[in-house]
Each structure stands twice: as structure tokens, then as C-alpha cells.
Amino acid sequence: WDGSGYPHGLAAMAIPIEGRLVMLADQYDALRSPRSYKEPLS
């Protein structure tokens, strides 16, 4: 949303809503999931 992402540095409403939804859902799932470098978060 703040333009700091990739690949094109899009910001705010320039990002399609589907991308904005998946970005948050994907981040939630990644934080909760176990990784080789971290334990899963509650």
C-alpha cells in the first residue's frame, strides 16, 4: 500500500483489490507457518 513492494512499486488503489487481499492473507499464513529459520507464530 505504501509503494515499497515489488515488482513495480505500485501504491494504494493502483494495486488491484485481489492483489491487496492476497498480500495480507499470504502474510498472515506465512507468519503462522513454520520455517527453516523460525518457529510458527500464534
PDB file of all heavy atoms in Angstrom:
ATOM      1  N   TRP A   1       0.819  -1.212   0.000  1.00  0.00           N
ATOM      2  CA  TRP A   1       0.000   0.000   0.000  1.00  0.00           C
ATOM      3  C   TRP A   1       0.855   1.265   0.000  1.00  0.00           C
ATOM      4  O   TRP A   1       0.511   2.266  -0.634  1.00  0.00           O
ATOM      5  CB  TRP A   1      -0.915  -0.026   1.221  1.00  0.00           C
ATOM      6  CG  TRP A   1      -1.886   1.106   1.305  1.00  0.00           C
ATOM      7  CD1 TRP A   1      -1.792   2.221   2.083  1.00  0.00           C
ATOM      8  CD2 TRP A   1      -3.120   1.242   0.582  1.00  0.00           C
ATOM      9  NE1 TRP A   1      -2.887   3.039   1.908  1.00  0.00           N
ATOM     10  CE2 TRP A   1      -3.717   2.451   0.989  1.00  0.00           C
ATOM     11  CE3 TRP A   1      -3.779   0.441  -0.350  1.00  0.00           C
ATOM     12  CZ2 TRP A   1      -4.942   2.893   0.488  1.00  0.00           C
ATOM     13  CZ3 TRP A   1      -5.005   0.876  -0.850  1.00  0.00           C
ATOM     14  CH2 TRP A   1      -5.563   2.085  -0.440  1.00  0.00           C
ATOM     15  N   ASP A   2       2.007   1.220   0.696  1.00  0.00           N
ATOM     16  CA  ASP A   2       2.859   2.412   0.791  1.00  0.00           C
ATOM     17  C   ASP A   2       3.842   2.527  -0.372  1.00  0.00           C
ATOM     18  O   ASP A   2       4.689   3.429  -0.384  1.00  0.00           O
ATOM     19  CB  ASP A   2       3.614   2.434   2.122  1.00  0.00           C
ATOM     20  CG  ASP A   2       4.596   1.268   2.275  1.00  0.00           C
ATOM     21  OD1 ASP A   2       4.661   0.404   1.371  1.00  0.00           O
ATOM     22  OD2 ASP A   2       5.311   1.227   3.297  1.00  0.00           O
ATOM     23  N   GLY A   3       3.759   1.633  -1.342  1.00  0.00           N
ATOM     24  CA  GLY A   3       4.623   1.711  -2.515  1.00  0.00           C
ATOM     25  C   GLY A   3       5.972   1.046  -2.371  1.00  0.00           C
ATOM     26  O   GLY A   3       6.804   1.131  -3.281  1.00  0.00           O
ATOM     27  N   SER A   4       6.216   0.353  -1.257  1.00  0.00           N
ATOM     28  CA  SER A   4       7.526  -0.239  -1.011  1.00  0.00           C
ATOM     29  C   SER A   4       7.642  -1.682  -1.495  1.00  0.00           C
ATOM     30  O   SER A   4       8.654  -2.335  -1.247  1.00  0.00           O
ATOM     31  CB  SER A   4       7.852  -0.182   0.491  1.00  0.00           C
ATOM     32  OG  SER A   4       6.956  -0.992   1.241  1.00  0.00           O
ATOM     33  N   GLY A   5       6.624  -2.174  -2.183  1.00  0.00           N
ATOM     34  CA  GLY A   5       6.655  -3.562  -2.634  1.00  0.00           C
ATOM     35  C   GLY A   5       7.291  -3.728  -3.999  1.00  0.00           C
ATOM     36  O   GLY A   5       7.930  -2.831  -4.539  1.00  0.00           O
ATOM     37  N   TYR A   6       7.095  -4.911  -4.578  1.00  0.00           N
ATOM     38  CA  TYR A   6       7.647  -5.222  -5.894  1.00  0.00           C
ATOM     39  C   TYR A   6       6.620  -6.024  -6.690  1.00  0.00           C
ATOM     40  O   TYR A   6       5.658  -6.533  -6.117  1.00  0.00           O
ATOM     41  CB  TYR A   6       8.987  -5.984  -5.748  1.00  0.00           C
ATOM     42  CG  TYR A   6       8.898  -7.367  -5.131  1.00  0.00           C
ATOM     43  CD1 TYR A   6       8.669  -8.506  -5.908  1.00  0.00           C
ATOM     44  CD2 TYR A   6       9.065  -7.554  -3.751  1.00  0.00           C
ATOM     45  CE1 TYR A   6       8.589  -9.771  -5.350  1.00  0.00           C
ATOM     46  CE2 TYR A   6       8.995  -8.822  -3.185  1.00  0.00           C
ATOM     47  CZ  TYR A   6       8.757  -9.928  -3.986  1.00  0.00           C
ATOM     48  OH  TYR A   6       8.681 -11.178  -3.422  1.00  0.00           O
ATOM     49  N   PRO A   7       6.750  -6.105  -8.019  1.00  0.00           N
ATOM     50  CA  PRO A   7       7.892  -5.712  -8.859  1.00  0.00           C
ATOM     51  C   PRO A   7       7.866  -4.263  -9.352  1.00  0.00           C
ATOM     52  O   PRO A   7       8.881  -3.779  -9.858  1.00  0.00           O
ATOM     53  CB  PRO A   7       7.779  -6.657 -10.042  1.00  0.00           C
ATOM     54  CG  PRO A   7       6.306  -6.881 -10.193  1.00  0.00           C
ATOM     55  CD  PRO A   7       5.767  -6.907  -8.785  1.00  0.00           C
ATOM     56  N   HIS A   8       6.742  -3.561  -9.244  1.00  0.00           N
ATOM     57  CA  HIS A   8       6.641  -2.248  -9.873  1.00  0.00           C
ATOM     58  C   HIS A   8       6.486  -1.089  -8.891  1.00  0.00           C
ATOM     59  O   HIS A   8       6.324   0.056  -9.308  1.00  0.00           O
ATOM     60  CB  HIS A   8       5.476  -2.233 -10.870  1.00  0.00           C
ATOM     61  CG  HIS A   8       5.616  -3.235 -11.965  1.00  0.00           C
ATOM     62  ND1 HIS A   8       6.678  -3.243 -12.838  1.00  0.00           N
ATOM     63  CD2 HIS A   8       4.828  -4.289 -12.314  1.00  0.00           C
ATOM     64  CE1 HIS A   8       6.541  -4.250 -13.696  1.00  0.00           C
ATOM     65  NE2 HIS A   8       5.436  -4.894 -13.395  1.00  0.00           N
ATOM     66  N   GLY A   9       6.520  -1.373  -7.600  1.00  0.00           N
ATOM     67  CA  GLY A   9       6.380  -0.296  -6.622  1.00  0.00           C
ATOM     68  C   GLY A   9       5.037   0.394  -6.693  1.00  0.00           C
ATOM     69  O   GLY A   9       4.931   1.599  -6.421  1.00  0.00           O
ATOM     70  N   LEU A  10       3.982  -0.350  -7.022  1.00  0.00           N
ATOM     71  CA  LEU A  10       2.643   0.232  -7.060  1.00  0.00           C
ATOM     72  C   LEU A  10       2.214   0.613  -5.645  1.00  0.00           C
ATOM     73  O   LEU A  10       2.653   0.011  -4.663  1.00  0.00           O
ATOM     74  CB  LEU A  10       1.641  -0.761  -7.650  1.00  0.00           C
ATOM     75  CG  LEU A  10       1.903  -1.259  -9.069  1.00  0.00           C
ATOM     76  CD1 LEU A  10       0.822  -2.258  -9.477  1.00  0.00           C
ATOM     77  CD2 LEU A  10       1.967  -0.103 -10.053  1.00  0.00           C
ATOM     78  N   ALA A  11       1.329   1.588  -5.557  1.00  0.00           N
ATOM     79  CA  ALA A  11       0.867   2.036  -4.245  1.00  0.00           C
ATOM     80  C   ALA A  11      -0.643   2.220  -4.252  1.00  0.00           C
ATOM     81  O   ALA A  11      -1.255   2.486  -5.289  1.00  0.00           O
ATOM     82  CB  ALA A  11       1.545   3.358  -3.856  1.00  0.00           C
ATOM     83  N   ALA A  12      -1.227   2.068  -3.066  1.00  0.00           N
ATOM     84  CA  ALA A  12      -2.637   2.362  -2.815  1.00  0.00           C
ATOM     85  C   ALA A  12      -3.551   1.700  -3.858  1.00  0.00           C
ATOM     86  O   ALA A  12      -3.391   0.519  -4.160  1.00  0.00           O
ATOM     87  CB  ALA A  12      -2.838   3.872  -2.743  1.00  0.00           C
ATOM     88  N   MET A  13      -4.490   2.488  -4.414  1.00  0.00           N
ATOM     89  CA  MET A  13      -5.515   1.930  -5.286  1.00  0.00           C
ATOM     90  C   MET A  13      -4.987   1.502  -6.651  1.00  0.00           C
ATOM     91  O   MET A  13      -5.714   0.903  -7.438  1.00  0.00           O
ATOM     92  CB  MET A  13      -6.649   2.939  -5.462  1.00  0.00           C
ATOM     93  CG  MET A  13      -7.319   3.353  -4.167  1.00  0.00           C
ATOM     94  SD  MET A  13      -8.077   1.952  -3.279  1.00  0.00           S
ATOM     95  CE  MET A  13      -9.503   1.663  -4.329  1.00  0.00           C
ATOM     96  N   ALA A  14      -3.716   1.804  -6.935  1.00  0.00           N
ATOM     97  CA  ALA A  14      -3.118   1.312  -8.177  1.00  0.00           C
ATOM     98  C   ALA A  14      -2.918  -0.195  -8.126  1.00  0.00           C
ATOM     99  O   ALA A  14      -2.751  -0.843  -9.165  1.00  0.00           O
ATOM    100  CB  ALA A  14      -1.783   2.001  -8.445  1.00  0.00           C
ATOM    101  N   ILE A  15      -2.943  -0.763  -6.925  1.00  0.00           N
ATOM    102  CA  ILE A  15      -2.838  -2.214  -6.754  1.00  0.00           C
ATOM    103  C   ILE A  15      -4.244  -2.801  -6.842  1.00  0.00           C
ATOM    104  O   ILE A  15      -5.130  -2.378  -6.094  1.00  0.00           O
ATOM    105  CB  ILE A  15      -2.223  -2.572  -5.390  1.00  0.00           C
ATOM    106  CG1 ILE A  15      -0.904  -1.817  -5.176  1.00  0.00           C
ATOM    107  CG2 ILE A  15      -2.013  -4.075  -5.277  1.00  0.00           C
ATOM    108  CD1 ILE A  15      -0.396  -1.896  -3.741  1.00  0.00           C
ATOM    109  N   PRO A  16      -4.501  -3.749  -7.725  1.00  0.00           N
ATOM    110  CA  PRO A  16      -5.842  -4.345  -7.805  1.00  0.00           C
ATOM    111  C   PRO A  16      -6.255  -4.933  -6.458  1.00  0.00           C
ATOM    112  O   PRO A  16      -5.403  -5.416  -5.691  1.00  0.00           O
ATOM    113  CB  PRO A  16      -5.676  -5.445  -8.858  1.00  0.00           C
ATOM    114  CG  PRO A  16      -4.491  -5.041  -9.659  1.00  0.00           C
ATOM    115  CD  PRO A  16      -3.571  -4.327  -8.705  1.00  0.00           C
ATOM    116  N   ILE A  17      -7.537  -4.893  -6.169  1.00  0.00           N
ATOM    117  CA  ILE A  17      -8.001  -5.347  -4.860  1.00  0.00           C
ATOM    118  C   ILE A  17      -7.653  -6.805  -4.616  1.00  0.00           C
ATOM    119  O   ILE A  17      -7.340  -7.213  -3.491  1.00  0.00           O
ATOM    120  CB  ILE A  17      -9.513  -5.096  -4.683  1.00  0.00           C
ATOM    121  CG1 ILE A  17      -9.908  -5.381  -3.223  1.00  0.00           C
ATOM    122  CG2 ILE A  17     -10.334  -5.918  -5.685  1.00  0.00           C
ATOM    123  CD1 ILE A  17     -11.307  -4.942  -2.869  1.00  0.00           C
ATOM    124  N   GLU A  18      -7.662  -7.625  -5.676  1.00  0.00           N
ATOM    125  CA  GLU A  18      -7.319  -9.032  -5.499  1.00  0.00           C
ATOM    126  C   GLU A  18      -5.885  -9.177  -4.991  1.00  0.00           C
ATOM    127  O   GLU A  18      -5.604 -10.000  -4.123  1.00  0.00           O
ATOM    128  CB  GLU A  18      -7.486  -9.795  -6.815  1.00  0.00           C
ATOM    129  CG  GLU A  18      -8.905  -9.881  -7.327  1.00  0.00           C
ATOM    130  CD  GLU A  18      -9.357  -8.669  -8.131  1.00  0.00           C
ATOM    131  OE1 GLU A  18      -8.524  -7.744  -8.323  1.00  0.00           O
ATOM    132  OE2 GLU A  18     -10.520  -8.642  -8.569  1.00  0.00           O
ATOM    133  N   GLY A  19      -4.976  -8.362  -5.536  1.00  0.00           N
ATOM    134  CA  GLY A  19      -3.599  -8.396  -5.073  1.00  0.00           C
ATOM    135  C   GLY A  19      -3.464  -7.934  -3.640  1.00  0.00           C
ATOM    136  O   GLY A  19      -2.679  -8.483  -2.846  1.00  0.00           O
ATOM    137  N   ARG A  20      -4.239  -6.904  -3.257  1.00  0.00           N
ATOM    138  CA  ARG A  20      -4.189  -6.394  -1.887  1.00  0.00           C
ATOM    139  C   ARG A  20      -4.702  -7.427  -0.883  1.00  0.00           C
ATOM    140  O   ARG A  20      -4.163  -7.583   0.214  1.00  0.00           O
ATOM    141  CB  ARG A  20      -5.017  -5.110  -1.787  1.00  0.00           C
ATOM    142  CG  ARG A  20      -4.336  -3.892  -2.401  1.00  0.00           C
ATOM    143  CD  ARG A  20      -5.221  -2.658  -2.300  1.00  0.00           C
ATOM    144  NE  ARG A  20      -6.053  -2.491  -3.484  1.00  0.00           N
ATOM    145  CZ  ARG A  20      -7.294  -2.030  -3.496  1.00  0.00           C
ATOM    146  NH1 ARG A  20      -7.893  -1.701  -2.363  1.00  0.00           N
ATOM    147  NH2 ARG A  20      -7.953  -1.885  -4.628  1.00  0.00           N
ATOM    148  N   LEU A  21      -5.753  -8.140  -1.263  1.00  0.00           N
ATOM    149  CA  LEU A  21      -6.301  -9.168  -0.379  1.00  0.00           C
ATOM    150  C   LEU A  21      -5.331 -10.327  -0.215  1.00  0.00           C
ATOM    151  O   LEU A  21      -5.091 -10.804   0.904  1.00  0.00           O
ATOM    152  CB  LEU A  21      -7.630  -9.683  -0.944  1.00  0.00           C
ATOM    153  CG  LEU A  21      -8.805  -8.717  -0.955  1.00  0.00           C
ATOM    154  CD1 LEU A  21      -9.979  -9.320  -1.717  1.00  0.00           C
ATOM    155  CD2 LEU A  21      -9.234  -8.349   0.463  1.00  0.00           C
ATOM    156  N   VAL A  22      -4.778 -10.798  -1.329  1.00  0.00           N
ATOM    157  CA  VAL A  22      -3.859 -11.935  -1.273  1.00  0.00           C
ATOM    158  C   VAL A  22      -2.601 -11.560  -0.505  1.00  0.00           C
ATOM    159  O   VAL A  22      -2.051 -12.366   0.252  1.00  0.00           O
ATOM    160  CB  VAL A  22      -3.528 -12.439  -2.691  1.00  0.00           C
ATOM    161  CG1 VAL A  22      -2.379 -13.451  -2.663  1.00  0.00           C
ATOM    162  CG2 VAL A  22      -4.765 -13.081  -3.324  1.00  0.00           C
ATOM    163  N   MET A  23      -2.133 -10.322  -0.666  1.00  0.00           N
ATOM    164  CA  MET A  23      -0.933  -9.887   0.033  1.00  0.00           C
ATOM    165  C   MET A  23      -1.106 -10.036   1.545  1.00  0.00           C
ATOM    166  O   MET A  23      -0.238 -10.577   2.240  1.00  0.00           O
ATOM    167  CB  MET A  23      -0.633  -8.428  -0.343  1.00  0.00           C
ATOM    168  CG  MET A  23       0.749  -7.951   0.080  1.00  0.00           C
ATOM    169  SD  MET A  23       0.730  -7.207   1.721  1.00  0.00           S
ATOM    170  CE  MET A  23       2.389  -6.532   1.761  1.00  0.00           C
ATOM    171  N   LEU A  24      -2.237  -9.588   2.084  1.00  0.00           N
ATOM    172  CA  LEU A  24      -2.447  -9.680   3.524  1.00  0.00           C
ATOM    173  C   LEU A  24      -2.670 -11.131   3.958  1.00  0.00           C
ATOM    174  O   LEU A  24      -2.080 -11.584   4.949  1.00  0.00           O
ATOM    175  CB  LEU A  24      -3.630  -8.807   3.949  1.00  0.00           C
ATOM    176  CG  LEU A  24      -3.749  -8.585   5.474  1.00  0.00           C
ATOM    177  CD1 LEU A  24      -4.416  -7.241   5.766  1.00  0.00           C
ATOM    178  CD2 LEU A  24      -4.537  -9.695   6.162  1.00  0.00           C
ATOM    179  N   ALA A  25      -3.500 -11.869   3.212  1.00  0.00           N
ATOM    180  CA  ALA A  25      -3.774 -13.257   3.574  1.00  0.00           C
ATOM    181  C   ALA A  25      -2.507 -14.099   3.532  1.00  0.00           C
ATOM    182  O   ALA A  25      -2.264 -14.945   4.403  1.00  0.00           O
ATOM    183  CB  ALA A  25      -4.831 -13.832   2.633  1.00  0.00           C
ATOM    184  N   ASP A  26      -1.678 -13.868   2.527  1.00  0.00           N
ATOM    185  CA  ASP A  26      -0.432 -14.611   2.372  1.00  0.00           C
ATOM    186  C   ASP A  26       0.532 -14.295   3.512  1.00  0.00           C
ATOM    187  O   ASP A  26       1.227 -15.175   4.032  1.00  0.00           O
ATOM    188  CB  ASP A  26       0.193 -14.257   1.023  1.00  0.00           C
ATOM    189  CG  ASP A  26       1.263 -15.241   0.588  1.00  0.00           C
ATOM    190  OD1 ASP A  26       1.167 -16.436   0.947  1.00  0.00           O
ATOM    191  OD2 ASP A  26       2.177 -14.829  -0.132  1.00  0.00           O
ATOM    192  N   GLN A  27       0.570 -13.034   3.921  1.00  0.00           N
ATOM    193  CA  GLN A  27       1.454 -12.640   5.022  1.00  0.00           C
ATOM    194  C   GLN A  27       0.982 -13.266   6.330  1.00  0.00           C
ATOM    195  O   GLN A  27       1.800 -13.727   7.129  1.00  0.00           O
ATOM    196  CB  GLN A  27       1.492 -11.118   5.139  1.00  0.00           C
ATOM    197  CG  GLN A  27       2.570 -10.600   6.064  1.00  0.00           C
ATOM    198  CD  GLN A  27       3.969 -10.729   5.465  1.00  0.00           C
ATOM    199  OE1 GLN A  27       4.129 -11.159   4.331  1.00  0.00           O
ATOM    200  NE2 GLN A  27       4.966 -10.381   6.237  1.00  0.00           N
ATOM    201  N   TYR A  28      -0.322 -13.267   6.564  1.00  0.00           N
ATOM    202  CA  TYR A  28      -0.855 -13.916   7.762  1.00  0.00           C
ATOM    203  C   TYR A  28      -0.437 -15.377   7.798  1.00  0.00           C
ATOM    204  O   TYR A  28       0.070 -15.881   8.806  1.00  0.00           O
ATOM    205  CB  TYR A  28      -2.384 -13.802   7.796  1.00  0.00           C
ATOM    206  CG  TYR A  28      -3.008 -14.618   8.909  1.00  0.00           C
ATOM    207  CD1 TYR A  28      -3.105 -14.106  10.203  1.00  0.00           C
ATOM    208  CD2 TYR A  28      -3.480 -15.910   8.659  1.00  0.00           C
ATOM    209  CE1 TYR A  28      -3.660 -14.863  11.226  1.00  0.00           C
ATOM    210  CE2 TYR A  28      -4.033 -16.678   9.679  1.00  0.00           C
ATOM    211  CZ  TYR A  28      -4.118 -16.154  10.964  1.00  0.00           C
ATOM    212  OH  TYR A  28      -4.651 -16.910  11.984  1.00  0.00           O
ATOM    213  N   ASP A  29      -0.633 -16.079   6.682  1.00  0.00           N
ATOM    214  CA  ASP A  29      -0.333 -17.505   6.639  1.00  0.00           C
ATOM    215  C   ASP A  29       1.160 -17.764   6.806  1.00  0.00           C
ATOM    216  O   ASP A  29       1.568 -18.715   7.481  1.00  0.00           O
ATOM    217  CB  ASP A  29      -0.828 -18.099   5.320  1.00  0.00           C
ATOM    218  CG  ASP A  29      -1.029 -19.596   5.410  1.00  0.00           C
ATOM    219  OD1 ASP A  29      -2.089 -20.019   5.925  1.00  0.00           O
ATOM    220  OD2 ASP A  29      -0.126 -20.347   4.980  1.00  0.00           O
ATOM    221  N   ALA A  30       1.996 -16.912   6.198  1.00  0.00           N
ATOM    222  CA  ALA A  30       3.439 -17.093   6.297  1.00  0.00           C
ATOM    223  C   ALA A  30       3.929 -16.902   7.732  1.00  0.00           C
ATOM    224  O   ALA A  30       4.788 -17.643   8.210  1.00  0.00           O
ATOM    225  CB  ALA A  30       4.147 -16.109   5.370  1.00  0.00           C
ATOM    226  N   LEU A  31       3.390 -15.915   8.431  1.00  0.00           N
ATOM    227  CA  LEU A  31       3.797 -15.677   9.806  1.00  0.00           C
ATOM    228  C   LEU A  31       3.397 -16.832  10.719  1.00  0.00           C
ATOM    229  O   LEU A  31       4.138 -17.194  11.644  1.00  0.00           O
ATOM    230  CB  LEU A  31       3.182 -14.364  10.321  1.00  0.00           C
ATOM    231  CG  LEU A  31       3.768 -13.076   9.729  1.00  0.00           C
ATOM    232  CD1 LEU A  31       2.890 -11.879  10.078  1.00  0.00           C
ATOM    233  CD2 LEU A  31       5.198 -12.853  10.210  1.00  0.00           C
ATOM    234  N   ARG A  32       2.279 -17.425  10.459  1.00  0.00           N
ATOM    235  CA  ARG A  32       1.805 -18.525  11.301  1.00  0.00           C
ATOM    236  C   ARG A  32       2.486 -19.847  10.990  1.00  0.00           C
ATOM    237  O   ARG A  32       2.452 -20.770  11.813  1.00  0.00           O
ATOM    238  CB  ARG A  32       0.291 -18.681  11.147  1.00  0.00           C
ATOM    239  CG  ARG A  32      -0.501 -17.526  11.703  1.00  0.00           C
ATOM    240  CD  ARG A  32      -1.781 -17.991  12.352  1.00  0.00           C
ATOM    241  NE  ARG A  32      -1.516 -18.945  13.426  1.00  0.00           N
ATOM    242  CZ  ARG A  32      -2.481 -19.671  14.008  1.00  0.00           C
ATOM    243  NH1 ARG A  32      -3.728 -19.560  13.609  1.00  0.00           N
ATOM    244  NH2 ARG A  32      -2.193 -20.506  14.980  1.00  0.00           N
ATOM    245  N   SER A  33       3.102 -19.955   9.824  1.00  0.00           N
ATOM    246  CA  SER A  33       3.657 -21.235   9.380  1.00  0.00           C
ATOM    247  C   SER A  33       5.095 -21.432   9.828  1.00  0.00           C
ATOM    248  O   SER A  33       5.853 -20.468   9.956  1.00  0.00           O
ATOM    249  CB  SER A  33       3.594 -21.315   7.849  1.00  0.00           C
ATOM    250  OG  SER A  33       2.263 -21.235   7.388  1.00  0.00           O
ATOM    251  N   PRO A  34       5.501 -22.677  10.080  1.00  0.00           N
ATOM    252  CA  PRO A  34       6.899 -22.948  10.446  1.00  0.00           C
ATOM    253  C   PRO A  34       7.832 -22.709   9.274  1.00  0.00           C
ATOM    254  O   PRO A  34       7.464 -22.896   8.120  1.00  0.00           O
ATOM    255  CB  PRO A  34       6.872 -24.433  10.837  1.00  0.00           C
ATOM    256  CG  PRO A  34       5.696 -24.996  10.104  1.00  0.00           C
ATOM    257  CD  PRO A  34       4.685 -23.903  10.034  1.00  0.00           C
ATOM    258  N   ARG A  35       9.032 -22.260   9.568  1.00  0.00           N
ATOM    259  CA  ARG A  35      10.055 -22.017   8.567  1.00  0.00           C
ATOM    260  C   ARG A  35      11.359 -22.661   9.033  1.00  0.00           C
ATOM    261  O   ARG A  35      11.520 -22.961  10.214  1.00  0.00           O
ATOM    262  CB  ARG A  35      10.296 -20.500   8.379  1.00  0.00           C
ATOM    263  CG  ARG A  35       9.114 -19.748   7.828  1.00  0.00           C
ATOM    264  CD  ARG A  35       8.909 -20.103   6.364  1.00  0.00           C
ATOM    265  NE  ARG A  35       7.895 -19.253   5.766  1.00  0.00           N
ATOM    266  CZ  ARG A  35       6.613 -19.579   5.696  1.00  0.00           C
ATOM    267  NH1 ARG A  35       6.200 -20.702   6.226  1.00  0.00           N
ATOM    268  NH2 ARG A  35       5.757 -18.769   5.098  1.00  0.00           N
ATOM    269  N   SER A  36      12.277 -22.812   8.106  1.00  0.00           N
ATOM    270  CA  SER A  36      13.577 -23.366   8.475  1.00  0.00           C
ATOM    271  C   SER A  36      14.315 -22.435   9.430  1.00  0.00           C
ATOM    272  O   SER A  36      15.175 -22.863  10.188  1.00  0.00           O
ATOM    273  CB  SER A  36      14.418 -23.600   7.211  1.00  0.00           C
ATOM    274  OG  SER A  36      14.620 -22.377   6.515  1.00  0.00           O
ATOM    275  N   TYR A  37      13.977 -21.144   9.416  1.00  0.00           N
ATOM    276  CA  TYR A  37      14.672 -20.166  10.228  1.00  0.00           C
ATOM    277  C   TYR A  37      13.827 -19.613  11.376  1.00  0.00           C
ATOM    278  O   TYR A  37      14.254 -18.706  12.098  1.00  0.00           O
ATOM    279  CB  TYR A  37      15.141 -18.989   9.369  1.00  0.00           C
ATOM    280  CG  TYR A  37      14.040 -18.350   8.538  1.00  0.00           C
ATOM    281  CD1 TYR A  37      13.221 -17.364   9.076  1.00  0.00           C
ATOM    282  CD2 TYR A  37      13.811 -18.767   7.236  1.00  0.00           C
ATOM    283  CE1 TYR A  37      12.206 -16.794   8.336  1.00  0.00           C
ATOM    284  CE2 TYR A  37      12.797 -18.199   6.482  1.00  0.00           C
ATOM    285  CZ  TYR A  37      12.001 -17.219   7.030  1.00  0.00           C
ATOM    286  OH  TYR A  37      10.986 -16.674   6.284  1.00  0.00           O
ATOM    287  N   LYS A  38      12.610 -20.147  11.559  1.00  0.00           N
ATOM    288  CA  LYS A  38      11.772 -19.640  12.660  1.00  0.00           C
ATOM    289  C   LYS A  38      10.718 -20.663  13.052  1.00  0.00           C
ATOM    290  O   LYS A  38      10.352 -21.546  12.270  1.00  0.00           O
ATOM    291  CB  LYS A  38      11.070 -18.328  12.265  1.00  0.00           C
ATOM    292  CG  LYS A  38       9.895 -18.513  11.332  1.00  0.00           C
ATOM    293  CD  LYS A  38       9.116 -17.224  11.175  1.00  0.00           C
ATOM    294  CE  LYS A  38       7.859 -17.439  10.341  1.00  0.00           C
ATOM    295  NZ  LYS A  38       6.832 -18.237  11.052  1.00  0.00           N
ATOM    296  N   GLU A  39      10.235 -20.540  14.260  1.00  0.00           N
ATOM    297  CA  GLU A  39       9.111 -21.331  14.729  1.00  0.00           C
ATOM    298  C   GLU A  39       7.809 -20.676  14.261  1.00  0.00           C
ATOM    299  O   GLU A  39       7.770 -19.471  14.003  1.00  0.00           O
ATOM    300  CB  GLU A  39       9.123 -21.410  16.262  1.00  0.00           C
ATOM    301  CG  GLU A  39      10.303 -22.165  16.840  1.00  0.00           C
ATOM    302  CD  GLU A  39      10.296 -23.621  16.415  1.00  0.00           C
ATOM    303  OE1 GLU A  39       9.210 -24.233  16.414  1.00  0.00           O
ATOM    304  OE2 GLU A  39      11.376 -24.151  16.093  1.00  0.00           O
ATOM    305  N   PRO A  40       6.736 -21.451  14.148  1.00  0.00           N
ATOM    306  CA  PRO A  40       5.454 -20.836  13.780  1.00  0.00           C
ATOM    307  C   PRO A  40       4.974 -19.908  14.883  1.00  0.00           C
ATOM    308  O   PRO A  40       5.203 -20.138  16.067  1.00  0.00           O
ATOM    309  CB  PRO A  40       4.512 -22.044  13.631  1.00  0.00           C
ATOM    310  CG  PRO A  40       5.138 -23.109  14.471  1.00  0.00           C
ATOM    311  CD  PRO A  40       6.625 -22.906  14.360  1.00  0.00           C
ATOM    312  N   LEU A  41       4.317 -18.827  14.474  1.00  0.00           N
ATOM    313  CA  LEU A  41       3.780 -17.870  15.438  1.00  0.00           C
ATOM    314  C   LEU A  41       2.318 -18.192  15.735  1.00  0.00           C
ATOM    315  O   LEU A  41       1.597 -18.729  14.890  1.00  0.00           O
ATOM    316  CB  LEU A  41       3.891 -16.451  14.888  1.00  0.00           C
ATOM    317  CG  LEU A  41       5.300 -15.951  14.560  1.00  0.00           C
ATOM    318  CD1 LEU A  41       5.230 -14.516  14.039  1.00  0.00           C
ATOM    319  CD2 LEU A  41       6.216 -16.043  15.771  1.00  0.00           C
ATOM    320  N   SER A  42       1.888 -17.823  16.917  1.00  0.00           N
ATOM    321  CA  SER A  42       0.484 -17.998  17.269  1.00  0.00           C
ATOM    322  C   SER A  42      -0.377 -16.983  16.523  1.00  0.00           C
ATOM    323  O   SER A  42       0.139 -16.012  15.952  1.00  0.00           O
ATOM    324  CB  SER A  42       0.294 -17.807  18.771  1.00  0.00           C
ATOM    325  OG  SER A  42       0.493 -16.439  19.119  1.00  0.00           O
TER     326      SER A  42
END
